[in-house]
N, C-alpha and C. Protein backbone atom coordinates (compact mmCIF):
# COMPACT_ATOMS: atom_id res chain seq x y z
N MET A 1 94.57 116.48 115.11
CA MET A 1 95.64 116.23 114.32
C MET A 1 95.58 117.10 113.03
N ASP A 2 96.49 117.88 112.75
CA ASP A 2 96.76 118.46 111.49
C ASP A 2 97.31 117.72 110.37
N ILE A 3 96.79 117.48 109.27
CA ILE A 3 97.31 116.65 108.21
C ILE A 3 97.38 117.56 106.94
N GLU A 4 98.66 117.32 106.31
CA GLU A 4 98.63 118.07 105.00
C GLU A 4 98.92 117.14 103.90
N ILE A 5 98.03 117.13 102.96
CA ILE A 5 98.22 116.29 101.68
C ILE A 5 98.66 116.88 100.48
N PHE A 6 99.69 116.53 100.01
CA PHE A 6 100.07 116.75 98.73
C PHE A 6 100.03 115.83 97.96
N GLY A 7 98.93 116.05 96.75
CA GLY A 7 98.55 114.99 96.10
C GLY A 7 98.43 115.45 94.68
N ILE A 8 97.79 114.88 93.74
CA ILE A 8 97.64 115.01 92.43
C ILE A 8 96.58 115.91 92.02
N GLN A 9 97.01 116.97 91.15
CA GLN A 9 95.68 117.60 90.90
C GLN A 9 94.75 116.97 89.95
N GLY A 10 93.36 117.20 90.43
CA GLY A 10 92.36 116.49 89.90
C GLY A 10 91.99 115.07 90.40
N HIS A 11 92.89 114.54 91.54
CA HIS A 11 92.49 113.46 92.03
C HIS A 11 91.97 113.79 93.43
N THR A 12 90.99 112.92 93.85
CA THR A 12 90.28 112.97 95.30
C THR A 12 90.67 111.94 96.25
N TYR A 13 90.56 112.19 97.60
CA TYR A 13 91.44 111.21 98.46
C TYR A 13 90.44 110.98 99.66
N ASP A 14 90.36 109.83 100.24
CA ASP A 14 89.70 109.49 101.53
C ASP A 14 90.66 109.63 102.55
N LEU A 15 90.46 110.15 103.72
CA LEU A 15 91.42 110.26 104.74
C LEU A 15 90.74 109.86 106.04
N TRP A 16 91.44 109.27 106.79
CA TRP A 16 90.85 108.57 108.14
C TRP A 16 91.81 108.20 109.09
N ALA A 17 91.47 108.15 110.56
CA ALA A 17 92.18 107.70 111.52
C ALA A 17 91.51 106.53 112.10
N GLU A 18 92.10 105.41 112.32
CA GLU A 18 91.46 104.32 113.14
C GLU A 18 92.47 103.63 114.17
N ASP A 19 91.86 103.24 115.17
CA ASP A 19 92.61 102.31 116.10
C ASP A 19 92.03 100.91 116.09
N THR A 20 92.44 100.17 117.26
CA THR A 20 91.98 98.76 117.13
C THR A 20 90.45 98.35 117.12
N MET A 21 89.99 99.44 117.43
CA MET A 21 88.35 99.16 117.65
C MET A 21 87.62 99.74 116.19
N GLY A 22 88.38 100.31 115.25
CA GLY A 22 87.88 100.96 114.08
C GLY A 22 88.02 102.13 113.74
N VAL A 23 87.30 102.85 112.78
CA VAL A 23 87.43 104.02 112.21
C VAL A 23 87.11 105.02 113.43
N ILE A 24 88.02 106.09 113.75
CA ILE A 24 87.38 107.00 114.76
C ILE A 24 86.88 108.31 113.99
N THR A 25 87.54 108.61 113.12
CA THR A 25 87.14 109.89 112.27
C THR A 25 87.43 109.88 110.77
N SER A 26 86.87 110.48 109.91
CA SER A 26 87.14 110.30 108.42
C SER A 26 86.66 111.48 107.67
N LEU A 27 87.48 111.75 106.65
CA LEU A 27 87.11 112.76 105.53
C LEU A 27 87.23 112.30 104.26
N ASN A 28 85.89 112.28 103.58
CA ASN A 28 85.97 111.73 102.22
C ASN A 28 85.86 112.72 100.99
N ASN A 29 86.30 112.22 99.74
CA ASN A 29 86.30 113.24 98.61
C ASN A 29 87.00 114.38 98.83
N ILE A 30 88.29 114.27 99.30
CA ILE A 30 88.92 115.67 99.44
C ILE A 30 90.14 115.91 98.46
N SER A 31 90.58 116.99 98.26
CA SER A 31 91.84 117.08 97.50
C SER A 31 92.97 117.37 98.16
N GLN A 32 94.00 118.26 97.52
CA GLN A 32 95.17 118.75 98.30
C GLN A 32 94.92 119.74 99.32
N GLY A 33 95.41 119.78 100.37
CA GLY A 33 95.37 120.76 101.26
C GLY A 33 95.54 120.22 102.95
N ASN A 34 95.26 121.17 103.70
CA ASN A 34 95.32 120.85 105.28
C ASN A 34 93.87 120.55 105.88
N TYR A 35 94.07 119.56 106.71
CA TYR A 35 92.72 118.92 107.33
C TYR A 35 92.97 118.59 108.55
N LEU A 36 91.95 118.71 109.48
CA LEU A 36 92.04 118.48 110.84
C LEU A 36 91.33 117.24 111.11
N LEU A 37 91.95 116.16 111.56
CA LEU A 37 91.15 114.86 112.14
C LEU A 37 91.03 115.03 113.65
N GLY A 38 89.87 114.64 114.02
CA GLY A 38 89.61 114.76 115.33
C GLY A 38 88.17 114.39 115.77
N PRO A 39 87.81 114.29 116.86
CA PRO A 39 88.86 114.21 118.30
C PRO A 39 89.30 112.72 118.10
N LEU A 40 90.58 112.62 118.48
CA LEU A 40 91.48 111.24 118.50
C LEU A 40 91.15 110.71 119.94
N ASN A 41 91.30 109.38 120.16
CA ASN A 41 91.60 108.79 121.33
C ASN A 41 92.87 109.03 121.85
N THR A 42 93.07 109.21 123.12
CA THR A 42 94.40 109.39 123.73
C THR A 42 95.09 108.11 124.20
N ASN A 43 96.31 107.96 124.43
CA ASN A 43 97.00 106.87 124.98
C ASN A 43 96.86 105.61 124.12
N THR A 44 96.75 105.66 122.92
CA THR A 44 96.46 104.44 122.07
C THR A 44 97.11 104.79 120.69
N SER A 45 97.39 103.45 120.06
CA SER A 45 98.10 103.53 118.76
C SER A 45 97.02 103.86 117.58
N ILE A 46 97.36 104.95 116.92
CA ILE A 46 96.22 105.44 115.95
C ILE A 46 97.07 105.23 114.47
N ALA A 47 96.39 104.78 113.62
CA ALA A 47 96.82 104.68 112.17
C ALA A 47 96.14 105.73 111.55
N VAL A 48 96.94 106.72 110.60
CA VAL A 48 96.19 107.56 109.76
C VAL A 48 96.43 107.10 108.26
N VAL A 49 95.54 107.09 107.63
CA VAL A 49 95.56 106.40 106.12
C VAL A 49 95.07 107.56 105.21
N VAL A 50 95.62 107.53 104.07
CA VAL A 50 95.05 108.49 102.89
C VAL A 50 95.15 107.45 101.86
N GLU A 51 93.93 107.58 101.11
CA GLU A 51 93.68 106.71 99.95
C GLU A 51 93.24 107.40 98.69
N ASP A 52 94.04 107.25 97.81
CA ASP A 52 93.56 107.87 96.37
C ASP A 52 92.56 107.15 95.63
N GLU A 53 91.30 107.74 95.61
CA GLU A 53 90.29 107.02 95.09
C GLU A 53 90.33 106.49 93.64
N LEU A 54 91.32 107.11 93.05
CA LEU A 54 91.52 106.56 91.57
C LEU A 54 92.38 105.24 91.53
N GLN A 55 93.39 105.31 92.67
CA GLN A 55 94.33 104.05 92.76
C GLN A 55 94.13 103.43 94.26
N PRO A 56 92.94 103.00 94.68
CA PRO A 56 92.71 102.70 96.07
C PRO A 56 93.61 101.63 96.74
N TYR A 57 94.19 100.87 96.00
CA TYR A 57 94.99 100.09 96.60
C TYR A 57 96.61 100.39 96.44
N ASP A 58 96.90 100.99 95.44
CA ASP A 58 98.33 101.18 95.30
C ASP A 58 98.71 102.54 96.19
N CYS A 59 97.85 103.44 96.46
CA CYS A 59 98.53 104.78 96.92
C CYS A 59 97.79 105.12 98.35
N TYR A 60 97.88 104.17 99.30
CA TYR A 60 97.53 104.55 100.53
C TYR A 60 98.67 104.19 101.69
N HIS A 61 98.54 104.94 102.69
CA HIS A 61 99.66 104.72 103.74
C HIS A 61 99.17 105.01 105.14
N GLY A 62 99.78 104.01 105.85
CA GLY A 62 99.29 104.28 107.30
C GLY A 62 100.52 104.76 108.27
N ILE A 63 100.10 105.62 109.19
CA ILE A 63 101.28 106.04 110.14
C ILE A 63 100.69 105.52 111.41
N GLY A 64 101.62 104.75 112.15
CA GLY A 64 101.38 104.48 113.62
C GLY A 64 101.63 105.59 114.51
N ILE A 65 100.76 106.06 115.07
CA ILE A 65 100.93 107.23 115.96
C ILE A 65 100.37 106.92 117.53
N GLU A 66 101.17 107.02 118.58
CA GLU A 66 100.72 106.82 120.01
C GLU A 66 100.45 108.28 120.48
N GLN A 67 99.22 108.43 121.07
CA GLN A 67 98.99 109.61 121.45
C GLN A 67 98.96 109.69 123.10
N PRO A 68 99.38 110.72 123.65
CA PRO A 68 99.74 111.77 123.12
C PRO A 68 101.23 112.12 123.03
N ARG A 69 101.99 110.93 122.84
CA ARG A 69 103.40 111.13 122.74
C ARG A 69 103.69 111.31 121.32
N CYS A 70 104.49 112.41 120.73
CA CYS A 70 104.84 112.54 119.62
C CYS A 70 105.93 111.41 119.17
N VAL A 71 105.66 111.09 117.60
CA VAL A 71 106.54 110.07 117.16
C VAL A 71 107.66 110.75 116.19
N PHE A 72 108.92 110.55 116.75
CA PHE A 72 109.96 111.07 115.86
C PHE A 72 110.77 109.90 115.25
N CYS A 73 110.89 110.04 114.02
CA CYS A 73 111.32 108.85 113.01
C CYS A 73 112.45 109.27 112.06
N SER A 74 113.39 108.49 111.67
CA SER A 74 114.55 108.85 111.01
C SER A 74 113.63 109.10 109.42
N GLU A 75 114.22 110.28 108.84
CA GLU A 75 113.96 110.75 107.41
C GLU A 75 114.52 109.68 106.83
N ILE A 76 113.75 108.98 105.60
CA ILE A 76 114.30 108.29 104.67
C ILE A 76 113.66 108.82 103.40
N GLU A 77 114.67 109.26 102.32
CA GLU A 77 114.59 109.92 101.09
C GLU A 77 114.81 108.55 100.03
N LEU A 78 113.94 108.81 99.18
CA LEU A 78 113.99 107.83 97.98
C LEU A 78 113.87 108.57 96.65
N SER A 79 114.69 108.67 95.65
CA SER A 79 114.54 109.29 94.52
C SER A 79 114.82 108.42 93.27
N ILE A 80 114.25 108.52 92.17
CA ILE A 80 114.41 107.81 91.03
C ILE A 80 115.69 108.38 90.33
N ILE A 81 116.62 107.36 89.84
CA ILE A 81 117.69 107.78 89.01
C ILE A 81 117.35 107.35 87.58
N THR A 82 117.13 106.13 87.36
CA THR A 82 116.72 105.76 86.02
C THR A 82 115.61 104.75 86.00
N ASN A 83 114.62 104.86 85.12
CA ASN A 83 113.61 103.75 84.78
C ASN A 83 113.63 103.51 83.54
N TYR A 84 114.14 102.30 83.27
CA TYR A 84 114.33 101.92 81.75
C TYR A 84 113.87 100.58 81.34
N CYS A 85 113.83 100.23 80.31
CA CYS A 85 113.56 98.79 79.60
C CYS A 85 114.73 98.23 78.86
N VAL A 86 115.02 96.94 79.22
CA VAL A 86 115.89 96.05 78.72
C VAL A 86 115.43 94.77 78.38
N ASP A 87 115.26 94.42 77.09
CA ASP A 87 114.94 93.03 76.65
C ASP A 87 113.49 92.75 77.32
N GLY A 88 112.56 93.81 76.81
CA GLY A 88 111.21 93.83 77.08
C GLY A 88 110.93 93.79 78.75
N ALA A 89 111.76 93.77 79.54
CA ALA A 89 111.44 94.06 81.03
C ALA A 89 111.88 95.42 81.66
N GLN A 90 111.22 95.83 82.61
CA GLN A 90 111.36 97.14 83.28
C GLN A 90 112.73 97.17 84.38
N SER A 91 113.48 97.90 84.39
CA SER A 91 114.47 98.12 85.53
C SER A 91 114.28 99.53 86.04
N LEU A 92 114.60 99.55 87.53
CA LEU A 92 114.56 100.67 88.10
C LEU A 92 115.58 100.93 89.16
N LYS A 93 116.26 102.00 88.63
CA LYS A 93 117.46 102.20 89.60
C LYS A 93 117.10 103.53 90.51
N ILE A 94 117.30 103.38 91.87
CA ILE A 94 116.90 104.39 92.77
C ILE A 94 118.05 104.68 93.72
N ASN A 95 117.97 105.89 94.36
CA ASN A 95 118.89 106.48 95.41
C ASN A 95 118.29 106.47 96.72
N LEU A 96 118.77 105.87 97.58
CA LEU A 96 118.15 105.75 99.11
C LEU A 96 119.12 106.60 99.76
N ASP A 97 118.59 107.51 100.64
CA ASP A 97 119.22 108.40 101.52
C ASP A 97 118.60 108.42 102.98
N ALA A 98 119.34 108.06 103.79
CA ALA A 98 118.85 107.85 105.15
C ALA A 98 119.92 108.23 106.11
N ASP A 99 119.52 108.34 107.50
CA ASP A 99 120.36 108.73 108.54
C ASP A 99 121.36 107.24 108.66
N THR A 100 122.71 107.62 108.99
CA THR A 100 123.80 106.52 108.94
C THR A 100 123.40 105.41 109.94
N SER A 101 122.74 105.86 111.02
CA SER A 101 122.18 104.70 112.01
C SER A 101 121.01 103.94 111.61
N THR A 102 120.52 104.40 110.47
CA THR A 102 119.01 103.64 110.00
C THR A 102 119.31 102.55 109.36
N ILE A 103 118.67 101.22 109.63
CA ILE A 103 118.85 99.97 108.76
C ILE A 103 117.54 99.89 108.06
N ILE A 104 117.64 99.53 106.89
CA ILE A 104 116.44 99.61 105.96
C ILE A 104 116.25 98.46 105.27
N ASP A 105 114.99 98.01 104.99
CA ASP A 105 114.51 96.82 104.17
C ASP A 105 113.91 97.69 102.97
N LEU A 106 114.43 97.35 101.66
CA LEU A 106 113.72 98.15 100.57
C LEU A 106 113.41 96.94 99.66
N TYR A 107 112.09 97.17 99.14
CA TYR A 107 111.37 96.15 98.44
C TYR A 107 110.31 96.85 97.39
N THR A 108 109.75 96.04 96.58
CA THR A 108 108.66 96.45 95.82
C THR A 108 107.46 95.53 96.21
N THR A 109 106.34 95.95 95.53
CA THR A 109 105.22 95.17 95.75
C THR A 109 104.90 94.10 94.63
N ILE A 110 105.89 93.84 93.80
CA ILE A 110 105.73 92.66 92.82
C ILE A 110 106.46 91.52 93.33
N GLU A 111 105.82 90.37 93.40
CA GLU A 111 106.37 89.24 93.84
C GLU A 111 107.45 88.72 92.73
N GLY A 112 108.41 88.37 93.24
CA GLY A 112 109.53 87.73 92.61
C GLY A 112 110.73 88.68 92.13
N VAL A 113 110.51 89.96 92.38
CA VAL A 113 111.41 91.05 92.20
C VAL A 113 112.43 91.10 93.39
N ASN A 114 113.68 91.18 93.01
CA ASN A 114 114.85 91.17 94.18
C ASN A 114 114.53 92.22 95.00
N THR A 115 114.84 92.09 96.28
CA THR A 115 114.74 92.91 97.41
C THR A 115 116.05 93.13 98.02
N PHE A 116 116.16 94.31 98.87
CA PHE A 116 117.41 94.60 99.74
C PHE A 116 117.04 94.76 101.19
N ASN A 117 117.57 93.80 101.92
CA ASN A 117 117.38 93.95 103.30
C ASN A 117 118.49 94.47 104.22
N ASN A 118 118.16 95.04 105.31
CA ASN A 118 119.35 95.68 106.08
C ASN A 118 120.24 96.45 105.60
N VAL A 119 119.83 97.38 104.68
CA VAL A 119 120.86 98.06 104.10
C VAL A 119 120.78 99.60 104.50
N GLY A 120 121.72 100.37 104.07
CA GLY A 120 121.76 101.83 104.17
C GLY A 120 121.82 102.78 102.87
N SER A 121 122.35 103.94 103.06
CA SER A 121 122.18 104.81 101.97
C SER A 121 122.93 104.17 100.87
N GLY A 122 122.45 104.63 99.52
CA GLY A 122 123.16 103.95 98.28
C GLY A 122 122.16 103.72 97.25
N ASP A 123 122.82 103.44 96.12
CA ASP A 123 122.01 103.24 94.93
C ASP A 123 121.50 101.63 94.75
N TYR A 124 120.43 101.34 94.33
CA TYR A 124 119.95 100.07 94.44
C TYR A 124 119.22 99.96 92.96
N THR A 125 119.23 98.76 92.36
CA THR A 125 118.42 98.41 91.28
C THR A 125 117.67 97.34 91.23
N PHE A 126 116.18 97.61 90.97
CA PHE A 126 115.22 96.36 90.85
C PHE A 126 115.27 95.87 89.39
N ASN A 127 115.43 94.76 88.97
CA ASN A 127 115.52 94.30 87.74
C ASN A 127 114.33 93.22 87.25
N ASN A 128 114.24 93.03 86.38
CA ASN A 128 113.26 92.10 85.67
C ASN A 128 111.63 92.46 86.00
N ILE A 129 111.15 93.56 86.11
CA ILE A 129 110.19 94.11 86.42
C ILE A 129 109.21 94.04 85.26
N PRO A 130 108.04 93.11 85.52
CA PRO A 130 107.19 92.85 83.98
C PRO A 130 106.77 94.14 83.43
N SER A 131 106.71 94.18 82.02
CA SER A 131 106.54 95.46 81.37
C SER A 131 105.03 95.80 81.71
N GLY A 132 104.94 97.23 81.99
CA GLY A 132 103.45 97.74 82.27
C GLY A 132 102.94 97.64 83.65
N GLU A 133 103.80 97.08 84.40
CA GLU A 133 103.30 96.73 85.96
C GLU A 133 103.26 98.00 86.72
N GLU A 134 102.20 98.17 87.34
CA GLU A 134 102.37 99.27 88.30
C GLU A 134 102.54 98.74 89.59
N PHE A 135 103.40 99.39 90.40
CA PHE A 135 103.95 98.87 91.52
C PHE A 135 104.40 99.93 92.59
N LEU A 136 104.53 99.65 93.92
CA LEU A 136 105.32 100.49 94.91
C LEU A 136 106.65 100.23 95.28
N VAL A 137 107.41 100.99 95.43
CA VAL A 137 108.78 101.07 96.26
C VAL A 137 108.56 101.42 97.51
N ILE A 138 109.12 100.53 98.45
CA ILE A 138 108.85 100.75 100.01
C ILE A 138 110.18 100.69 100.56
N ALA A 139 110.41 101.68 101.44
CA ALA A 139 111.83 101.80 102.11
C ALA A 139 111.35 101.82 103.58
N GLU A 140 111.59 100.80 104.17
CA GLU A 140 111.06 100.73 105.65
C GLU A 140 112.05 100.60 106.73
N ASP A 141 112.13 101.43 107.68
CA ASP A 141 112.90 101.62 108.75
C ASP A 141 112.70 100.44 109.58
N THR A 142 113.76 99.55 109.69
CA THR A 142 113.65 98.15 110.48
C THR A 142 113.24 98.37 112.00
N SER A 143 113.61 99.43 112.50
CA SER A 143 113.46 99.71 113.94
C SER A 143 112.07 100.31 114.16
N LYS A 144 111.10 100.95 113.21
CA LYS A 144 110.06 101.55 113.26
C LYS A 144 109.20 101.20 112.07
N PRO A 145 108.92 100.09 111.80
CA PRO A 145 108.36 99.78 110.49
C PRO A 145 107.05 100.22 109.93
N TYR A 146 106.25 100.69 111.02
CA TYR A 146 105.09 101.52 110.62
C TYR A 146 105.05 103.18 110.59
N ASP A 147 106.19 103.54 111.27
CA ASP A 147 106.24 105.12 111.39
C ASP A 147 106.98 105.57 110.09
N CYS A 148 107.94 104.81 109.74
CA CYS A 148 109.00 105.42 108.79
C CYS A 148 108.84 104.87 107.27
N ASN A 149 107.82 104.48 106.79
CA ASN A 149 107.74 103.92 105.39
C ASN A 149 107.78 105.32 104.49
N ARG A 150 108.49 105.10 103.31
CA ARG A 150 108.54 106.17 102.59
C ARG A 150 108.23 105.43 101.08
N ILE A 151 107.05 105.87 100.52
CA ILE A 151 106.70 104.98 99.23
C ILE A 151 106.77 105.86 98.11
N ILE A 152 107.20 105.38 97.07
CA ILE A 152 107.09 105.87 95.65
C ILE A 152 106.34 105.07 94.85
N TYR A 153 105.27 105.77 94.20
CA TYR A 153 104.44 105.02 93.27
C TYR A 153 104.87 105.06 91.83
N VAL A 154 105.32 103.89 91.27
CA VAL A 154 105.76 103.89 89.95
C VAL A 154 104.87 103.43 88.84
N GLU A 155 104.63 104.19 87.89
CA GLU A 155 103.54 103.72 86.91
C GLU A 155 104.57 103.09 85.87
N GLY A 156 104.12 101.56 85.64
CA GLY A 156 104.96 100.77 84.87
C GLY A 156 105.18 101.20 83.50
N LEU A 157 106.54 101.10 82.86
CA LEU A 157 106.65 101.34 81.48
C LEU A 157 106.28 100.25 80.64
N GLN A 158 106.00 100.72 79.38
CA GLN A 158 105.47 99.82 78.25
C GLN A 158 106.89 99.23 77.56
N CYS A 159 107.20 98.21 77.90
CA CYS A 159 108.61 97.78 77.04
C CYS A 159 108.33 96.87 76.04
N ASN A 160 108.69 97.41 74.91
CA ASN A 160 108.47 96.64 73.57
C ASN A 160 109.70 95.97 73.01
N GLY A 161 109.62 94.66 72.92
CA GLY A 161 110.70 94.11 72.22
C GLY A 161 112.03 94.25 73.05
N ASP A 162 113.15 94.40 72.36
CA ASP A 162 114.34 94.54 73.05
C ASP A 162 114.90 96.07 73.00
N SER A 163 114.04 96.91 72.86
CA SER A 163 114.68 98.30 72.72
C SER A 163 114.94 98.82 74.28
N THR A 164 115.80 99.58 74.21
CA THR A 164 116.35 100.26 75.65
C THR A 164 115.76 101.60 75.50
N GLU A 165 115.04 102.02 76.66
CA GLU A 165 114.57 103.39 76.64
C GLU A 165 114.50 103.93 78.06
N THR A 166 114.97 105.09 78.29
CA THR A 166 114.77 105.81 79.56
C THR A 166 113.72 106.45 79.62
N VAL A 167 112.80 106.20 80.63
CA VAL A 167 111.59 107.19 80.89
C VAL A 167 111.23 107.21 82.21
N ILE A 168 111.15 108.44 82.73
CA ILE A 168 110.89 108.52 84.17
C ILE A 168 109.48 108.87 84.37
N GLN A 169 108.59 108.15 85.14
CA GLN A 169 107.15 108.36 85.19
C GLN A 169 107.10 107.92 86.75
N THR A 170 107.00 108.99 87.49
CA THR A 170 106.93 108.44 89.03
C THR A 170 105.96 109.27 89.67
N LEU A 171 105.15 108.70 90.76
CA LEU A 171 104.48 109.53 91.73
C LEU A 171 104.87 109.32 93.12
N GLU A 172 104.93 110.28 93.82
CA GLU A 172 105.32 110.10 95.27
C GLU A 172 104.23 110.70 96.35
N TYR A 173 104.01 109.98 97.25
CA TYR A 173 103.05 110.66 98.35
C TYR A 173 103.51 110.94 99.53
N PHE A 174 103.46 112.11 100.08
CA PHE A 174 103.98 112.46 101.28
C PHE A 174 102.69 112.69 102.27
N ILE A 175 102.60 112.35 103.45
CA ILE A 175 101.89 112.86 104.40
C ILE A 175 102.64 113.25 105.54
N ASP A 176 102.43 114.69 105.78
CA ASP A 176 103.16 115.34 106.82
C ASP A 176 102.27 115.49 108.07
N THR A 177 102.55 115.02 109.24
CA THR A 177 101.57 115.23 110.38
C THR A 177 102.33 115.93 111.39
N ASP A 178 101.48 116.62 112.16
CA ASP A 178 101.92 117.56 113.21
C ASP A 178 101.08 117.39 114.32
N PRO A 179 101.16 116.72 115.33
CA PRO A 179 100.39 116.04 116.24
C PRO A 179 99.97 117.40 117.31
N GLY A 180 101.09 118.34 116.93
CA GLY A 180 100.65 119.60 118.00
C GLY A 180 101.38 119.55 119.37
N TYR A 181 102.18 118.81 119.51
CA TYR A 181 102.95 118.51 120.75
C TYR A 181 104.37 119.11 120.65
N GLY A 182 104.97 119.43 121.52
CA GLY A 182 106.19 119.95 121.72
C GLY A 182 106.60 120.95 120.64
N SER A 183 107.67 120.90 120.01
CA SER A 183 107.97 122.16 119.18
C SER A 183 107.52 121.86 117.77
N GLY A 184 106.46 120.85 117.59
CA GLY A 184 105.85 120.95 116.30
C GLY A 184 106.72 120.03 115.30
N SER A 185 106.80 118.68 115.55
CA SER A 185 107.52 117.71 114.62
C SER A 185 106.66 117.47 113.70
N THR A 186 107.38 116.94 112.66
CA THR A 186 106.64 116.53 111.30
C THR A 186 107.22 115.02 111.06
N ILE A 187 106.23 114.26 110.68
CA ILE A 187 106.53 112.86 110.26
C ILE A 187 106.64 112.81 108.53
N PRO A 188 107.56 112.54 108.02
CA PRO A 188 107.58 112.57 106.65
C PRO A 188 107.24 111.07 106.06
N THR A 189 106.22 111.04 105.32
CA THR A 189 105.80 109.62 104.77
C THR A 189 105.37 109.99 103.36
N PRO A 190 104.45 109.11 102.71
CA PRO A 190 104.23 109.17 101.25
C PRO A 190 104.23 110.25 100.75
N GLN A 191 104.49 110.49 98.80
CA GLN A 191 103.94 111.31 97.83
C GLN A 191 104.52 111.30 96.37
N VAL A 192 104.43 112.66 95.52
CA VAL A 192 104.39 112.14 93.92
C VAL A 192 105.40 113.09 93.22
N ILE A 193 106.25 112.50 92.45
CA ILE A 193 107.04 113.19 91.60
C ILE A 193 106.60 113.02 90.30
N THR A 194 106.70 114.11 89.40
CA THR A 194 106.21 113.79 88.09
C THR A 194 107.42 114.17 87.14
């Protein structure tokens, strides 16, 4: 399986594939570029994971892939509209763009922050995010929860007092995979906006 990683310059990554029995194959301390993972087991579900060594728990993503059948999933696009401070807390307004038939759960990795379940395309705002908190925004296709996650990594703003400021600091990870079957499908998943 060919994997292309679009990462951050100067960051290194660990990339591996695993099934229910454990890790099948792995590559460590790699940077941006194209990599070949294999050999992979056939007719089993395989997770492909990339992990940023500088942010090992924030910036990894698994793709559920059944071999040798290609996985086709709805494309989900997330983009930041504004990231701003109000009364010492952070708010994040994002735009979600997906296929009309796709039903999405949209949430962050911060406990207690509002979530959006069973939604479609539109603008959504997460409120009362603690100042300086690093977190992920996850859009999950409810029909394919492991195939179609789209994650934006957001570095928290430092909100001081009651000042209102608009600052956009985002990272977005994409893993594009082409299992090499059929006409060469791609599965869009994590990456980094600057």
